[in-house]
Protein backbone atom coordinates (compact mmCIF):
# COMPACT_ATOMS: atom_id res chain seq x y z
CA MET A 1 -1.09 -0.89 56.02
CA THR A 2 -2.22 -3.75 53.80
CA THR A 3 -2.19 -7.51 54.05
CA LYS A 4 -1.54 -10.20 51.54
CA PRO A 5 -4.69 -11.30 49.70
CA SER A 6 -6.29 -14.59 50.52
CA ALA A 7 -7.73 -16.83 47.82
CA GLU A 8 -11.09 -15.20 48.43
CA THR A 9 -9.83 -11.64 47.88
CA GLU A 10 -7.71 -12.06 44.73
CA ALA A 11 -8.83 -10.30 41.55
CA ILE A 12 -11.24 -12.19 39.33
CA SER A 13 -9.97 -13.35 35.93
CA PRO A 14 -11.39 -11.29 33.03
CA ARG A 15 -12.95 -14.39 31.47
CA SER A 16 -15.00 -15.05 34.62
CA ASN A 17 -15.62 -11.47 35.77
CA PRO A 18 -19.34 -10.56 35.53
CA ASP A 19 -18.75 -6.89 36.42
CA LEU A 20 -17.44 -4.00 34.36
CA LEU A 21 -17.36 -0.71 36.23
CA GLY A 22 -16.37 2.66 34.79
CA GLN A 23 -16.30 1.68 31.09
CA GLU A 24 -19.91 2.35 30.20
CA THR A 25 -18.98 4.50 27.18
CA ALA A 26 -16.94 1.72 25.58
CA GLU A 27 -19.70 -0.80 26.28
CA ALA A 28 -22.25 1.49 24.64
CA GLU A 29 -20.07 1.78 21.52
CA LEU A 30 -19.94 -2.00 21.14
CA LEU A 31 -23.70 -2.22 21.61
CA ARG A 32 -24.29 0.44 18.92
CA ALA A 33 -22.03 -1.38 16.49
CA TYR A 34 -23.85 -4.64 17.10
CA ALA A 35 -27.30 -3.06 16.81
CA SER A 36 -26.33 -1.45 13.49
CA GLY A 37 -26.21 -4.87 11.83
CA ARG A 38 -22.75 -4.05 10.43
CA LEU A 39 -20.52 -5.24 13.22
CA PRO A 40 -16.81 -4.74 12.38
CA HIS A 41 -14.99 -8.06 12.15
CA ALA A 42 -11.90 -6.76 14.00
CA TRP A 43 -11.53 -4.57 17.08
CA LEU A 44 -8.45 -3.02 18.60
CA ILE A 45 -9.23 -2.50 22.29
CA ALA A 46 -6.49 -0.21 23.54
CA GLY A 47 -5.59 1.39 26.84
CA GLN A 48 -3.25 1.13 29.79
CA GLY A 49 -3.03 -2.05 31.81
CA GLY A 50 -5.55 -3.01 34.44
CA ILE A 51 -8.49 -0.83 33.39
CA GLY A 52 -10.89 -3.50 32.13
CA LYS A 53 -9.91 -4.06 28.48
CA ALA A 54 -9.83 -7.85 28.65
CA THR A 55 -12.90 -7.89 30.91
CA LEU A 56 -14.75 -5.87 28.25
CA ALA A 57 -13.57 -8.22 25.50
CA PHE A 58 -14.86 -11.31 27.30
CA ARG A 59 -18.07 -9.49 28.17
CA PHE A 60 -18.66 -8.78 24.47
CA ALA A 61 -17.71 -12.34 23.53
CA ARG A 62 -20.29 -13.75 25.95
CA PHE A 63 -22.89 -11.36 24.58
CA LEU A 64 -22.26 -12.47 21.00
CA LEU A 65 -22.09 -16.17 21.81
CA SER A 66 -25.33 -16.04 23.76
CA GLY A 67 -27.16 -14.47 20.81
CA GLY A 68 -27.54 -11.05 22.40
CA SER A 69 -30.45 -8.86 21.37
CA PRO A 70 -29.72 -5.75 19.22
CA HIS A 71 -32.05 -3.90 21.58
CA ALA A 72 -30.16 -4.87 24.74
CA GLY A 73 -29.08 -2.03 27.01
CA THR A 74 -26.04 -3.91 28.29
CA LEU A 75 -23.55 -6.54 27.20
CA ALA A 76 -23.92 -8.38 30.50
CA ILE A 77 -25.42 -11.83 30.71
CA ASP A 78 -26.26 -13.61 33.92
CA ASP A 79 -23.31 -15.43 35.48
CA GLY A 80 -25.51 -18.52 35.73
CA HIS A 81 -26.05 -18.60 31.96
CA PRO A 82 -24.54 -21.71 30.27
CA VAL A 83 -22.50 -19.48 27.91
CA PHE A 84 -21.07 -17.55 30.85
CA ARG A 85 -20.02 -20.77 32.58
CA ARG A 86 -18.44 -22.25 29.45
CA VAL A 87 -16.50 -19.08 28.66
CA ALA A 88 -15.31 -18.85 32.28
CA SER A 89 -14.05 -22.43 32.18
CA GLY A 90 -12.41 -22.00 28.76
CA GLY A 91 -14.72 -24.62 27.29
CA HIS A 92 -16.81 -22.73 24.71
CA ALA A 93 -16.30 -24.26 21.25
CA ASP A 94 -16.77 -20.94 19.44
CA LEU A 95 -14.30 -18.88 21.48
CA THR A 96 -10.53 -19.13 21.56
CA THR A 97 -8.11 -16.98 23.52
CA ILE A 98 -4.53 -16.27 22.48
CA GLU A 99 -2.17 -15.01 25.18
CA LYS A 100 1.32 -15.42 26.58
CA GLN A 101 1.80 -18.93 27.95
CA PHE A 102 3.63 -20.06 31.05
CA ASP A 103 7.12 -21.41 30.42
CA GLU A 104 7.39 -24.55 32.53
CA GLU A 105 11.16 -24.82 32.08
CA LYS A 106 11.89 -21.26 33.24
CA GLY A 107 9.07 -21.18 35.75
CA LYS A 108 7.64 -17.88 34.53
CA GLN A 109 5.38 -16.43 31.89
CA ARG A 110 6.81 -16.03 28.40
CA LYS A 111 7.55 -12.51 27.17
CA GLU A 112 5.92 -13.07 23.77
CA ILE A 113 2.82 -14.71 22.38
CA ALA A 114 4.09 -17.74 20.48
CA VAL A 115 3.64 -17.50 16.72
CA ASP A 116 2.32 -21.07 16.63
CA ASP A 117 -0.52 -20.00 18.93
CA VAL A 118 -1.36 -17.08 16.63
CA ARG A 119 -1.44 -19.41 13.63
CA ARG A 120 -4.25 -21.35 15.28
CA ILE A 121 -6.58 -18.38 14.72
CA ALA A 122 -7.12 -18.75 10.96
CA PRO A 123 -8.23 -22.43 10.93
CA PHE A 124 -10.38 -21.80 14.00
CA LEU A 125 -12.25 -18.92 12.35
CA ARG A 126 -12.76 -20.89 9.13
CA LEU A 127 -14.71 -23.56 10.98
CA THR A 128 -18.50 -23.42 10.96
CA PRO A 129 -19.70 -22.06 14.33
CA ALA A 130 -20.50 -25.04 16.55
CA GLU A 131 -23.61 -23.32 17.89
CA GLY A 132 -24.66 -21.58 14.69
CA GLY A 133 -23.75 -18.05 15.74
CA TRP A 134 -20.39 -16.28 15.94
CA ARG A 135 -16.79 -17.42 16.11
CA VAL A 136 -14.80 -15.15 18.45
CA VAL A 137 -11.06 -14.78 19.05
CA ILE A 138 -9.52 -12.66 21.81
CA VAL A 139 -5.79 -11.89 21.60
CA ASP A 140 -4.86 -10.60 25.05
CA GLY A 141 -1.57 -8.70 25.10
CA ALA A 142 -1.50 -8.31 21.32
CA GLU A 143 1.52 -6.00 21.54
CA THR A 144 3.63 -9.02 22.55
CA MET A 145 3.17 -10.75 19.19
CA ASN A 146 6.38 -10.73 17.18
CA ARG A 147 6.50 -9.77 13.51
CA PHE A 148 5.66 -13.30 12.36
CA GLY A 149 2.63 -13.44 14.61
CA GLN A 150 1.45 -10.02 13.48
CA ASN A 151 1.78 -11.03 9.83
CA ALA A 152 -0.35 -14.09 10.55
CA VAL A 153 -3.04 -11.80 12.01
CA LEU A 154 -2.77 -9.46 9.05
CA LYS A 155 -3.57 -12.29 6.63
CA ILE A 156 -6.76 -12.98 8.58
CA LEU A 157 -7.76 -9.32 8.51
CA GLU A 158 -7.26 -9.12 4.75
CA GLU A 159 -9.90 -11.83 4.20
CA PRO A 160 -11.98 -12.08 7.37
CA PRO A 161 -14.33 -15.08 7.61
CA ARG A 162 -18.06 -14.42 7.90
CA GLN A 163 -19.69 -14.33 11.35
CA SER A 164 -16.34 -13.91 13.04
CA VAL A 165 -14.99 -11.30 15.42
CA LEU A 166 -11.33 -10.81 16.31
CA MET A 167 -10.52 -8.65 19.34
CA LEU A 168 -6.94 -7.48 19.82
CA VAL A 169 -6.46 -6.28 23.40
CA THR A 170 -3.36 -4.13 23.82
CA GLU A 171 -1.59 -1.65 26.06
CA ARG A 172 0.61 -0.42 23.20
CA PRO A 173 -1.30 -0.14 19.92
CA ALA A 174 1.69 1.57 18.30
CA SER A 175 3.58 -1.73 18.63
CA LEU A 176 1.24 -3.30 16.08
CA LEU A 177 1.74 -3.02 12.34
CA PRO A 178 0.06 0.06 10.82
CA THR A 179 -1.74 -2.26 8.41
CA ILE A 180 -3.24 -4.15 11.34
CA ARG A 181 -4.38 -0.95 13.04
CA SER A 182 -5.93 0.36 9.84
CA ARG A 183 -8.06 -2.78 9.43
CA CYS A 184 -9.45 -2.69 12.96
CA ARG A 185 -12.12 -0.60 14.62
CA VAL A 186 -10.20 1.14 17.40
CA LEU A 187 -11.87 1.30 20.79
CA ALA A 188 -9.79 3.47 23.12
CA ILE A 189 -10.41 2.67 26.79
CA PRO A 190 -9.75 5.54 29.25
CA PRO A 191 -8.26 5.16 32.74
CA LEU A 192 -10.73 4.64 35.56
CA THR A 193 -11.60 7.45 37.94
CA GLU A 194 -10.16 7.32 41.45
CA ALA A 195 -13.66 6.76 42.82
CA VAL A 196 -14.17 3.70 40.61
CA VAL A 197 -10.74 2.30 41.50
CA GLU A 198 -11.51 2.74 45.19
CA THR A 199 -14.83 0.92 44.78
CA LEU A 200 -13.19 -1.93 42.92
CA ILE A 201 -10.43 -2.24 45.53
CA PHE A 202 -13.13 -2.74 48.15
CA ARG A 203 -14.80 -5.43 46.01
CA HIS A 204 -11.60 -7.36 45.37
CA ARG A 205 -9.73 -6.66 48.62
CA PRO A 206 -12.24 -5.93 51.40
CA ASP A 207 -9.41 -6.56 53.88
CA ILE A 208 -7.77 -3.24 52.91
CA ASP A 209 -8.77 -0.37 55.18
CA ALA A 210 -10.35 2.86 53.91
CA THR A 211 -7.21 4.98 54.28
CA ALA A 212 -5.14 2.54 52.26
CA ARG A 213 -7.86 2.25 49.62
CA ILE A 214 -7.80 6.01 49.07
CA ALA A 215 -4.01 6.06 48.82
CA LEU A 216 -3.94 3.10 46.41
CA ALA A 217 -6.58 4.71 44.20
CA ARG A 218 -4.55 7.92 44.07
CA VAL A 219 -1.31 6.27 43.01
CA SER A 220 -2.89 3.71 40.66
CA GLY A 221 -3.05 5.99 37.63
CA GLY A 222 -6.63 4.91 37.02
CA SER A 223 -5.82 1.19 36.93
CA ILE A 224 -7.50 -1.28 39.27
CA GLY A 225 -5.03 -3.91 38.10
CA ARG A 226 -2.12 -1.77 39.19
CA ALA A 227 -3.78 -0.85 42.49
CA LEU A 228 -4.23 -4.52 43.36
CA ASP A 229 -0.67 -5.30 42.28
CA ILE A 230 0.67 -2.53 44.52
CA ALA A 231 -1.38 -3.82 47.43
CA GLN A 232 -0.31 -7.43 46.91
CA HIS A 233 3.40 -6.55 46.87
CA ASP A 234 3.35 -3.88 49.61
CA GLY A 235 4.43 -1.21 47.14
CA LEU A 236 2.71 1.61 48.96
CA SER A 237 4.34 0.73 52.27
CA LEU A 238 7.76 0.43 50.63
CA LEU A 239 7.40 3.81 48.92
CA SER A 240 6.25 5.38 52.17
CA GLN A 241 9.33 4.00 53.93
CA PHE A 242 11.63 5.38 51.24
CA LEU A 243 10.08 8.86 51.30
CA THR A 244 10.10 9.04 55.10
CA ILE A 245 13.76 8.02 55.27
CA ALA A 246 14.75 10.33 52.40
CA ALA A 247 13.08 13.29 54.14
CA GLY A 248 15.31 12.88 57.17
CA SER A 249 17.82 15.61 57.87
CA PRO A 250 20.23 13.94 57.77
CA ILE A 251 19.14 10.66 56.20
CA GLU A 252 19.32 7.68 58.56
CA TRP A 253 21.56 5.53 56.40
CA GLN A 254 21.11 2.50 58.62
CA ALA A 255 17.37 2.56 57.81
CA ALA A 256 18.16 3.15 54.13
CA HIS A 257 20.42 0.09 54.03
CA ALA A 258 17.76 -1.95 55.85
CA LEU A 259 15.25 -1.09 53.12
CA GLY A 260 17.78 -2.03 50.47
CA ASP A 261 18.39 -5.37 52.19
CA LYS A 262 14.63 -5.98 52.31
CA LEU A 263 14.30 -5.53 48.53
CA ALA A 264 17.48 -7.39 47.55
CA PRO A 265 16.46 -11.09 47.72
CA ALA A 266 15.13 -12.89 44.65
CA ALA A 267 11.92 -13.54 46.57
CA ALA A 268 11.33 -9.76 46.58
CA ASP A 269 11.32 -9.47 42.77
CA GLU A 270 7.74 -8.28 42.48
CA SER A 271 7.97 -5.99 45.51
CA PHE A 272 11.09 -4.35 44.07
CA ARG A 273 9.40 -3.88 40.69
CA SER A 274 6.31 -2.36 42.29
CA PHE A 275 8.39 -0.05 44.49
CA ALA A 276 10.61 1.06 41.60
CA GLN A 277 7.67 1.99 39.37
CA LEU A 278 5.96 3.85 42.21
CA LEU A 279 9.05 5.87 43.08
CA VAL A 280 9.68 6.88 39.47
CA ASP A 281 6.02 7.85 39.05
CA TRP A 282 6.10 9.76 42.33
CA LEU A 283 9.09 11.86 41.22
CA ALA A 284 7.38 12.55 37.89
CA ARG A 285 4.25 13.75 39.68
CA ILE A 286 6.17 16.15 41.90
CA ALA A 287 8.01 17.52 38.87
CA ARG A 288 4.66 18.14 37.16
CA GLU A 289 3.35 19.95 40.23
CA ILE A 290 6.38 22.22 40.25
CA GLY A 291 6.03 22.79 36.51
CA ARG A 292 2.50 24.02 37.09
CA SER A 293 3.72 26.25 39.92
CA ALA A 294 1.45 24.38 42.31
CA ALA A 295 1.64 25.51 45.92
CA ILE A 296 1.39 23.13 48.84
CA SER A 297 -1.65 24.46 50.59
CA SER A 298 -2.27 21.46 52.85
CA GLY A 299 -1.31 17.88 53.46
CA GLU A 300 -4.76 16.78 52.36
CA THR A 301 -4.24 18.37 48.96
CA PHE A 302 -0.86 16.87 48.19
CA GLU A 303 -0.17 13.90 50.45
CA ARG A 304 -1.15 10.79 48.52
CA VAL A 305 1.36 8.52 50.20
CA PRO A 306 1.80 8.50 53.99
CA GLY A 307 4.97 10.35 54.94
CA GLU A 308 5.53 12.11 51.63
CA LEU A 309 4.65 15.67 52.63
CA ALA A 310 7.90 16.46 54.47
CA LEU A 311 9.98 15.44 51.45
CA ILE A 312 7.69 17.27 49.02
CA LYS A 313 8.11 20.54 50.94
CA ARG A 314 11.89 20.26 50.72
CA LEU A 315 11.91 19.31 47.05
CA MET A 316 9.48 22.02 45.99
CA ARG A 317 11.52 25.02 47.02
CA PRO A 318 11.72 27.78 44.36
CA GLY A 319 14.04 27.05 41.46
CA ARG A 320 14.08 23.27 41.98
CA LEU A 321 12.30 22.14 38.80
CA GLU A 322 15.40 21.50 36.68
CA GLN A 323 17.12 19.75 39.57
CA LEU A 324 14.09 17.57 40.27
CA LEU A 325 13.86 16.59 36.62
CA GLU A 326 17.48 15.44 36.87
CA VAL A 327 16.61 13.41 39.96
CA TRP A 328 13.71 11.76 38.14
CA GLU A 329 15.92 10.95 35.15
CA LYS A 330 18.75 9.54 37.26
CA VAL A 331 16.46 7.39 39.39
CA SER A 332 14.60 6.14 36.29
CA ASN A 333 17.91 5.14 34.70
CA LEU A 334 19.07 3.47 37.92
CA PHE A 335 16.08 1.15 38.04
CA ALA A 336 16.12 0.54 34.29
CA ARG A 337 19.78 -0.53 34.41
CA SER A 338 19.14 -2.65 37.46
CA GLU A 339 16.49 -4.61 35.58
CA SER A 340 18.24 -4.89 32.23
CA ALA A 341 21.65 -5.82 33.65
CA ASN A 342 20.41 -7.69 36.73
CA LEU A 343 22.42 -5.40 39.04
CA ASP A 344 22.54 -5.60 42.83
CA ARG A 345 19.16 -4.28 43.94
CA ARG A 346 20.38 -3.28 47.37
CA LEU A 347 22.97 -0.97 45.81
CA THR A 348 20.33 0.36 43.42
CA VAL A 349 18.10 1.39 46.33
CA ILE A 350 21.03 3.02 48.17
CA SER A 351 21.99 4.88 44.97
CA ALA A 352 18.41 6.19 44.71
CA PHE A 353 18.68 7.51 48.25
CA GLU A 354 21.99 9.19 47.37
CA VAL A 355 20.46 10.88 44.30
CA VAL A 356 17.56 12.29 46.33
CA SER A 357 19.83 13.26 49.20
CA ALA A 358 22.11 15.23 46.87
CA ALA A 359 19.13 17.21 45.60
CA LEU A 360 18.25 18.30 49.13
CA ARG A 361 21.62 19.84 49.94
């Protein structure tokens, strides 16, 4: 259904992305704050992953660093502007970005933002702006700061330097200290609409056909980042295979084991993760539909993933809500244990099939 992205079709990094689609309300709030002449020194930009939070933060940073007009109708500056190019390359003297670094020894990204990186913020903000305007710091993934890092940020917020702006970008604002949240202007970013996600999929992955774009937008939860991740790791195809096999009466266990074997190798880490999240979310959605007493009126209404309708019809028989909730809970726990204890993924997939199969008897 989808193909792996080429270098030309991969998503653009937030620091070099000139476009921000679907977050006009948040952009307008930043513009109003700037035009007021009393711009808050700290912002907490919060929302689920992959909806444009970091893109918005860099967009605002470029606006400030380019000396944006208080009468501007947009935060955008031309991608040929010198400030845009320097921010994109990471070479602007008045902007620093704090984020999780890549661990060369382990060959993967660190799970936390290093406290030493956070401690670079204070001396950076105390410097006189190199270009006479603002000093800007973006902390991307602020929820991954440990307590020491958060305390270092708190000290900055207690005595913020003049002409400085600190933007904390986070998926989990509740993970930050209450004293940090109380000292920031909170900007809550909503999920994108399916129409916007579909448009962005076409921009970033024009190789994906229209049918797949619609399906990806529907299962993305309003996140273009997640939609592209699902596409890159064949999550939609893997989920479709699972649902089609599980709907069999009886289940073709040879096909079930083949899917388990496909997801077992270490090279399939990201595909397994994408598939697991999709399956858990899929079960939750069906449980919600039953809870609302939704009737299956047509495949067009309910089929978001190719091949799911046959299984939905069997699962949504009267009186199945409690049983389906148990299925969702068991499958969620299966995948959670598999990740935390590094269990055999092939057996985890087969166990998920067994849980669903038992609910259909």
